[in-house]
Protein backbone atom coordinates (compact mmCIF):
# COMPACT_ATOMS: atom_id res chain seq x y z
CA MET A 1 4.70 -6.43 18.43
CA SER A 2 5.39 -2.89 19.69
CA TYR A 3 5.54 0.60 18.12
CA GLN A 4 6.15 2.49 21.26
CA ASN A 5 9.08 4.64 19.70
CA CYS A 6 6.59 6.06 17.11
CA SER A 7 4.62 9.05 18.46
CA ALA A 8 1.71 10.35 16.38
CA GLN A 9 1.52 14.16 15.77
CA ASP A 10 -1.89 14.15 17.07
CA SER A 11 -2.64 12.31 20.01
CA ASN A 12 -6.48 12.27 18.98
CA VAL A 13 -6.01 10.39 15.78
CA SER A 14 -6.78 6.74 15.86
CA ILE A 15 -3.46 5.26 14.67
CA GLN A 16 -3.96 1.87 12.93
CA THR A 17 -1.51 -0.64 14.60
CA GLU A 18 -0.78 -4.39 13.87
CA GLU A 19 -2.63 -5.03 17.39
CA ASN A 20 -5.94 -3.01 16.48
CA ARG A 21 -5.90 -3.60 12.47
CA PRO A 22 -8.73 -6.12 11.80
CA LYS A 23 -7.72 -9.67 12.12
CA ARG A 24 -7.19 -11.80 9.03
CA LYS A 25 -5.52 -14.91 8.04
CA LYS A 26 -1.85 -14.39 7.10
CA MET A 27 0.40 -16.39 4.95
CA TRP A 28 3.56 -15.30 6.27
CA LEU A 29 4.39 -13.90 10.05
CA GLU A 30 7.76 -12.55 11.01
CA PRO A 31 8.71 -11.80 14.44
CA GLU A 32 8.73 -7.89 14.14
CA PRO A 33 9.10 -5.84 10.92
CA THR A 34 12.80 -5.19 9.94
CA ILE A 35 14.53 -2.86 7.34
CA GLU A 36 16.26 -6.08 6.10
CA SER A 37 14.64 -9.64 6.47
CA VAL A 38 16.60 -11.73 8.97
CA LYS A 39 17.59 -13.95 6.58
CA VAL A 40 20.54 -15.89 6.83
CA PRO A 41 21.86 -19.43 5.95
CA LEU A 42 21.05 -22.41 8.14
CA VAL A 43 24.05 -22.57 10.77
CA SER A 44 24.76 -25.04 13.43
CA SER A 45 23.59 -24.59 16.80
CA ALA A 46 26.86 -22.88 18.16
CA ALA A 47 26.70 -20.07 15.69
CA VAL A 48 24.65 -17.03 15.74
CA VAL A 49 22.42 -14.84 13.63
CA PRO A 50 24.19 -11.25 13.61
CA VAL A 51 22.59 -8.54 15.58
CA LYS A 52 20.40 -6.31 13.28
CA LYS A 53 18.22 -3.25 14.28
CA ASN A 54 14.82 -3.11 13.27
CA ILE A 55 12.89 0.05 11.88
CA TRP A 56 12.49 1.81 14.99
CA GLY A 57 16.34 1.46 15.81
CA LYS A 58 15.71 -1.24 18.28
CA PRO A 59 18.72 -4.33 18.29
CA ILE A 60 17.14 -7.39 17.22
CA GLN A 61 18.27 -10.43 19.99
CA ALA A 62 21.04 -12.56 18.29
CA THR A 63 20.08 -16.05 18.34
CA THR A 64 20.29 -19.38 16.23
CA PRO A 65 17.81 -21.05 13.87
CA GLU A 66 17.36 -23.68 16.60
CA VAL A 67 16.60 -21.41 19.20
CA GLN A 68 14.49 -19.21 17.57
CA GLN A 69 12.23 -22.31 16.43
CA THR A 70 12.22 -23.55 19.85
CA VAL A 71 11.07 -20.01 21.31
CA SER A 72 8.37 -19.00 18.73
CA GLY A 73 7.42 -21.99 16.91
CA MET A 74 8.97 -20.44 13.66
CA ILE A 75 11.26 -22.14 10.88
CA PHE A 76 13.78 -20.49 8.61
CA ASP A 77 12.61 -20.50 5.00
CA GLU A 78 15.19 -19.87 2.14
CA GLU A 79 12.75 -17.95 0.51
CA TYR A 80 10.86 -16.15 3.03
CA GLY A 81 13.36 -15.91 6.01
CA TRP A 82 11.54 -16.53 9.22
CA CYS A 83 8.05 -17.71 9.33
CA ILE A 84 5.47 -19.69 10.76
CA PRO A 85 4.84 -23.17 9.06
CA LEU A 86 1.42 -23.16 7.19
CA GLU A 87 -1.21 -25.53 8.16
CA GLY A 88 -4.63 -26.59 6.94
CA GLU A 89 -6.60 -23.97 4.86
CA GLU A 90 -3.47 -21.49 4.65
CA ALA A 91 -1.06 -24.22 3.25
CA GLU A 92 -4.02 -25.08 0.75
CA ALA A 93 -3.86 -21.27 -0.24
CA ALA A 94 -0.23 -21.45 -0.69
CA ALA A 95 -0.22 -24.38 -2.68
CA GLU A 96 -3.10 -22.83 -4.75
CA MET A 97 -0.76 -19.62 -5.33
CA GLU A 98 2.33 -21.49 -6.29
CA LYS A 99 -0.10 -23.61 -8.93
CA TYR A 100 -1.23 -20.26 -10.23
CA TYR A 101 2.44 -19.14 -10.58
CA ALA A 102 3.76 -22.33 -12.19
CA SER A 103 0.91 -21.94 -15.01
CA LEU A 104 1.66 -18.50 -15.93
CA ASP A 105 4.56 -16.84 -17.53
CA ALA A 106 6.76 -14.06 -16.72
CA GLU A 107 4.97 -11.49 -18.83
CA ALA A 108 1.54 -12.39 -17.72
CA ILE A 109 2.71 -12.29 -14.10
CA ASP A 110 4.24 -8.69 -14.52
CA GLN A 111 1.13 -7.31 -15.93
CA VAL A 112 -0.38 -7.44 -12.39
CA THR A 113 2.74 -7.98 -10.16
CA GLY A 114 6.20 -6.83 -11.46
CA VAL A 115 7.80 -3.84 -12.98
CA LYS A 116 6.15 -2.44 -16.30
CA ILE A 117 6.09 0.69 -18.40
CA ARG A 118 2.95 2.72 -17.76
CA GLU A 119 1.20 4.91 -20.83
CA SER A 120 2.95 7.60 -19.23
CA SER A 121 6.29 5.82 -19.58
CA GLU A 122 6.95 5.72 -15.93
CA PHE A 123 7.97 2.22 -14.20
CA SER A 124 5.22 0.73 -11.79
CA ALA A 125 7.01 -1.64 -9.20
CA ASN A 126 5.31 -4.13 -6.90
CA ILE A 127 6.24 -6.98 -4.80
CA GLN A 128 3.02 -8.42 -3.64
CA VAL A 129 0.07 -10.18 -5.61
CA THR A 130 -2.75 -9.05 -3.34
CA CYS A 131 -3.64 -6.24 -0.65
CA SER A 132 -4.96 -6.53 2.36
CA ASN A 133 -6.78 -3.11 2.27
CA ASP A 134 -9.42 -4.83 0.40
CA CYS A 135 -11.01 -1.72 -1.09
CA ALA A 136 -14.21 -2.31 -2.84
CA TYR A 137 -13.59 -0.34 -5.90
CA CYS A 138 -10.01 -1.95 -6.52
CA TYR A 139 -9.00 -2.61 -9.92
CA SER A 140 -6.17 -4.76 -9.30
CA ALA A 141 -8.46 -7.04 -7.53
CA VAL A 142 -10.54 -7.52 -10.50
CA VAL A 143 -7.66 -8.16 -12.76
CA ALA A 144 -6.06 -10.94 -10.17
CA VAL A 145 -9.59 -12.67 -10.11
CA GLU A 146 -10.10 -12.58 -13.85
CA LYS A 147 -6.34 -13.67 -14.72
CA GLY A 148 -6.31 -16.17 -12.23
CA TYR A 149 -3.89 -15.07 -9.74
CA VAL A 150 -6.41 -15.56 -6.92
CA ARG A 151 -9.65 -17.74 -6.83
CA ASN A 152 -11.97 -15.09 -5.68
CA ARG A 153 -12.06 -11.83 -4.04
CA ALA A 154 -11.72 -13.18 -0.54
CA LYS A 155 -8.32 -14.48 -1.19
CA TRP A 156 -7.21 -10.93 -2.63
CA ALA A 157 -7.68 -9.62 0.83
CA ASN A 158 -4.20 -10.71 2.12
CA ASP A 159 -0.47 -9.80 1.56
CA PHE A 160 0.74 -12.51 -0.30
CA LEU A 161 4.18 -11.87 -1.62
CA LYS A 162 5.27 -12.67 -5.23
CA LYS A 163 6.70 -16.23 -5.65
CA THR A 164 10.04 -14.18 -6.50
CA VAL A 165 10.27 -10.99 -4.86
CA PRO A 166 11.79 -8.85 -7.31
CA SER A 167 15.25 -7.01 -7.41
CA PHE A 168 15.05 -3.04 -8.10
CA ASN A 169 18.56 -2.24 -7.78
CA ARG A 170 19.02 -1.05 -11.37
CA LYS A 171 18.77 2.21 -12.87
CA TYR A 172 15.37 2.78 -14.77
CA ASP A 173 14.85 5.54 -17.46
CA ASN A 174 12.04 7.31 -16.00
CA ILE A 175 10.16 7.89 -12.60
CA VAL A 176 9.55 4.60 -10.26
CA HIS A 177 6.10 4.66 -8.68
CA TYR A 178 6.09 1.89 -5.80
CA PRO A 179 3.53 0.22 -5.32
CA THR A 180 0.79 0.59 -7.67
CA ASN A 181 -1.15 -2.86 -7.11
CA HIS A 182 -0.96 -2.99 -3.38
CA ASP A 183 -0.11 -0.99 -0.49
CA VAL A 184 2.68 -0.52 2.19
CA THR A 185 1.14 -2.57 5.22
CA PHE A 186 2.56 -4.28 8.14
CA ARG A 187 2.62 -7.49 7.11
CA ASN A 188 5.76 -7.14 4.77
CA LEU A 189 7.02 -3.93 5.93
CA ASP A 190 10.86 -4.86 6.04
CA ARG A 191 10.36 -6.03 2.29
CA HIS A 192 8.76 -2.81 1.36
CA CYS A 193 11.56 -1.01 2.86
CA THR A 194 14.07 -3.07 1.03
CA ALA A 195 12.45 -2.69 -2.10
CA ILE A 196 12.27 1.19 -1.50
CA ARG A 197 16.00 1.33 -0.58
CA GLU A 198 17.02 -0.71 -3.65
CA ILE A 199 15.31 1.55 -5.90
CA LEU A 200 16.56 4.69 -4.18
CA GLU A 201 19.99 3.38 -3.91
CA ALA A 202 20.21 2.48 -7.74
CA GLY A 203 19.96 6.58 -8.35
CA ASN A 204 16.11 6.42 -9.40
CA ASP A 205 13.36 9.07 -8.97
CA LEU A 206 10.68 7.51 -6.86
CA VAL A 207 6.83 8.25 -6.15
CA ILE A 208 5.46 6.04 -3.32
CA CYS A 209 1.78 5.61 -3.56
CA THR A 210 -0.08 4.68 -0.48
CA LYS A 211 -3.27 4.84 1.53
CA PRO A 212 -0.81 5.77 4.52
CA SER A 213 -0.60 3.89 7.62
CA LEU A 214 1.36 6.42 10.01
CA ARG A 215 3.57 3.60 11.73
CA CYS A 216 4.65 2.26 8.21
CA MET A 217 5.41 5.72 6.61
CA GLU A 218 7.41 6.57 10.05
CA ALA A 219 9.41 3.46 9.04
CA VAL A 220 9.42 4.20 5.06
CA ALA A 221 10.66 7.84 5.94
CA ARG A 222 13.69 6.55 7.95
CA VAL A 223 14.72 4.72 4.82
CA CYS A 224 14.14 7.76 2.42
CA THR A 225 15.95 10.57 4.78
CA ASP A 226 19.13 10.64 2.87
CA TYR A 227 17.18 10.76 -0.52
CA LYS A 228 14.66 13.82 -0.03
CA ASN A 229 15.60 15.16 -3.39
CA LYS A 230 14.54 11.92 -5.26
CA VAL A 231 11.34 11.05 -3.26
CA THR A 232 7.72 12.08 -3.42
CA PHE A 233 5.16 10.86 -1.18
CA ARG A 234 1.54 10.53 -2.95
CA LEU A 235 -1.21 9.88 -0.47
CA THR A 236 -4.22 8.81 -1.02
CA ILE A 237 -7.28 10.41 0.59
CA THR A 238 -10.69 9.77 -0.76
CA SER A 239 -12.82 11.39 1.72
CA LEU A 240 -13.14 12.63 5.20
CA ALA A 241 -15.67 10.67 6.42
CA GLU A 242 -14.99 7.63 8.32
CA ALA A 243 -18.07 5.69 7.48
CA GLN A 244 -17.39 6.15 3.82
CA SER A 245 -13.79 5.09 4.43
CA VAL A 246 -14.74 2.07 6.19
CA LEU A 247 -17.19 1.11 3.61
CA TRP A 248 -15.24 1.59 0.51
CA GLU A 249 -11.64 1.01 1.98
CA LYS A 250 -12.58 -1.59 4.64
CA TYR A 251 -9.02 -2.30 6.18
CA ALA A 252 -6.98 0.87 5.18
CA PRO A 253 -6.11 3.49 7.69
CA LEU A 254 -8.74 5.97 8.58
CA PRO A 255 -8.83 9.46 6.70
CA ALA A 256 -7.64 11.28 10.20
CA GLU A 257 -4.77 9.01 10.35
CA ARG A 258 -3.77 9.71 6.91
CA ILE A 259 -3.69 13.12 7.13
CA ALA A 260 -1.52 12.80 10.32
CA THR A 261 0.92 10.94 8.24
CA LEU A 262 0.68 13.82 5.55
CA LYS A 263 1.43 16.42 8.21
CA LEU A 264 4.30 14.43 9.60
CA LEU A 265 6.02 13.84 5.93
CA PHE A 266 5.68 17.48 5.29
CA GLU A 267 7.34 18.47 8.35
CA GLN A 268 10.06 16.09 8.00
CA GLY A 269 10.59 17.97 4.66
CA PHE A 270 9.66 15.35 1.92
CA ARG A 271 7.83 16.44 -1.39
CA THR A 272 3.94 15.49 -1.06
CA GLU A 273 0.95 15.23 -3.20
CA VAL A 274 -2.57 14.14 -2.37
CA PHE A 275 -4.54 11.69 -4.85
CA ALA A 276 -8.31 11.82 -3.90
CA GLU A 277 -9.27 9.28 -6.60
CA PRO A 278 -11.64 7.82 -6.66
CA LEU A 279 -13.64 10.39 -4.56
CA LEU A 280 -16.08 8.73 -2.43
CA GLN A 281 -18.58 11.38 -2.46
CA GLY A 282 -18.88 14.59 -4.62
CA ALA A 283 -17.80 18.37 -4.79
CA GLY A 284 -18.67 19.28 -1.30
CA SER A 285 -16.18 16.36 0.17
CA ALA A 286 -13.75 17.48 -2.60
CA MET A 287 -13.39 20.87 -1.30
CA ASP A 288 -13.27 19.56 2.63
CA ILE A 289 -10.22 17.20 1.36
CA TYR A 290 -8.60 20.01 -0.25
CA ASN A 291 -8.90 22.71 2.79
CA SER A 292 -7.90 19.73 5.20
CA VAL A 293 -4.69 18.78 2.94
CA TYR A 294 -3.42 22.00 1.31
CA PRO A 295 -1.20 23.30 3.88
CA TYR A 296 0.68 20.26 4.03
CA VAL A 297 1.11 19.46 0.18
CA THR A 298 4.22 20.83 -1.88
CA GLU A 299 3.38 19.49 -5.02
CA SER A 300 -0.38 18.69 -6.38
CA ILE A 301 -3.81 17.79 -5.44
CA CYS A 302 -5.44 15.57 -7.99
CA PHE A 303 -9.12 14.53 -8.13
CA GLY A 304 -10.81 11.89 -10.11
CA ALA A 305 -14.02 10.24 -9.90
CA MET A 306 -14.81 6.82 -9.47
CA ASN A 307 -14.43 4.87 -12.68
CA MET A 308 -16.13 1.53 -13.96
CA VAL A 309 -17.75 1.02 -10.96
CA ASP A 310 -20.16 -1.68 -12.40
CA LYS A 311 -17.25 -3.80 -13.42
CA ARG A 312 -15.37 -3.21 -9.96
CA VAL A 313 -17.80 -3.53 -7.29
CA ASP A 314 -19.98 -6.13 -6.29
CA THR A 315 -23.63 -4.65 -6.27
CA THR A 316 -25.08 -7.92 -5.79
CA ASP A 317 -24.54 -7.10 -1.92
CA PRO A 318 -27.41 -4.56 -1.18
CA VAL A 319 -25.18 -2.09 0.97
CA TYR A 320 -22.62 -1.66 -2.25
CA ALA A 321 -25.59 -1.45 -4.50
CA ASP A 322 -27.05 1.46 -2.57
CA ALA A 323 -23.60 3.05 -2.35
CA VAL A 324 -22.76 2.70 -6.01
CA ALA A 325 -26.26 4.53 -6.66
CA ASN A 326 -25.00 7.10 -4.24
CA ILE A 327 -21.86 7.64 -6.22
CA ARG A 328 -23.84 8.02 -9.51
CA ARG A 329 -25.60 10.89 -7.85
CA TYR A 330 -22.50 12.28 -6.11
CA GLN A 331 -20.66 12.06 -9.68
CA SER A 332 -23.48 12.84 -12.23
CA ASP A 333 -22.00 14.74 -15.31
CA ASN A 334 -23.61 18.07 -13.89
CA ASN A 335 -22.12 17.47 -10.44
CA LEU A 336 -18.57 16.59 -11.66
CA LEU A 337 -19.17 19.84 -14.11
CA PHE A 338 -19.79 21.90 -10.95
CA LEU A 339 -16.81 20.32 -8.94
CA TYR A 340 -14.48 21.16 -12.26
CA ASN A 341 -15.48 24.55 -12.54
CA SER A 342 -15.41 25.48 -8.69
CA MET A 343 -11.91 24.07 -8.19
CA LYS A 344 -9.96 24.60 -11.41
CA ASP A 345 -8.22 27.71 -10.47
CA LEU A 346 -7.26 26.67 -7.18
CA PRO A 347 -3.69 26.45 -6.44
CA LYS A 348 -2.23 22.89 -6.67
CA VAL A 349 -5.46 21.38 -7.77
CA THR A 350 -5.18 18.86 -10.91
CA PHE A 351 -7.69 16.54 -12.32
CA LYS A 352 -7.74 12.86 -13.69
CA ASN A 353 -9.54 12.61 -17.25
CA SER A 354 -12.69 11.55 -15.42
CA ILE A 355 -13.20 14.98 -14.51
CA ALA A 356 -10.59 17.13 -16.74
CA LYS A 357 -12.79 16.17 -19.51
CA PHE A 358 -15.41 18.63 -18.34
CA GLY A 359 -12.96 21.68 -19.17
CA ARG A 360 -12.29 20.48 -22.71
């Protein structure tokens, strides 16, 4: 897979690509990410698939299903489009996911994966049931295991689509947040672009929530170019320390890439905001984040502490037991009070309740 048409703003930034991203088992693999899935009815060998352009504007070579299968070993699936047939353990994982879906009603599935009304009366939209970022503090992963969407945390660390990917081509009453239980990653980039386009074409206001990959966000930005008055990019930057990022957000892009993405989106004229939640360190780290992102943020910079750490993090692992102990020291009540008093009057700064409570 090539991303040669995408140029980083800072040549010194280590940009995550599909080639250098940590490898893991993948349920579905398409030949190259596209804005629209290469999904057509099965046709005779005399017919051809219409030429489409991928997210980088490069034409996709027209071919037949038979030729495609011969060349790449891929098959055409009515639900997933082009995919590699699953075998062995991956096939078992797919069957397991199907079984879980069959045992749950639509309301239960939507608690984690669908469109729902949040407490703030905003809509949350998702197309996946898992997330390959594999953040150690992820609440959605805990819920997915508890409710039986995945057997264990190891199964969570993938980019499995919902059995039926929802359509979002309707007008919602309030702002739509997408995604909220997973991220926009390479694996399903074409599906993410399709969902985002549907939300915008229906006339909705959209907040795109992500630990951003520069490559993925360049693609998403192309989809959003004509909707800049409708889109806000909410980028999660929880620390500037690579070691902390790798520890807590195992397969997510590193902080330098996230800031490079923020700068790119800002320069393209999009509304931007930063979510520094959960903070992975303390007040000093929060100020470093603020100083690094402030020039490229048009809306707010929101800080929040790490919540429910005992429930969300596996402290049976000595590494994470020590990391959680450090979080408690960094984010003691006295330290969070100091953070609040130090930053409450800074432009654009807001707080989640975990820190805002110290100002009441």
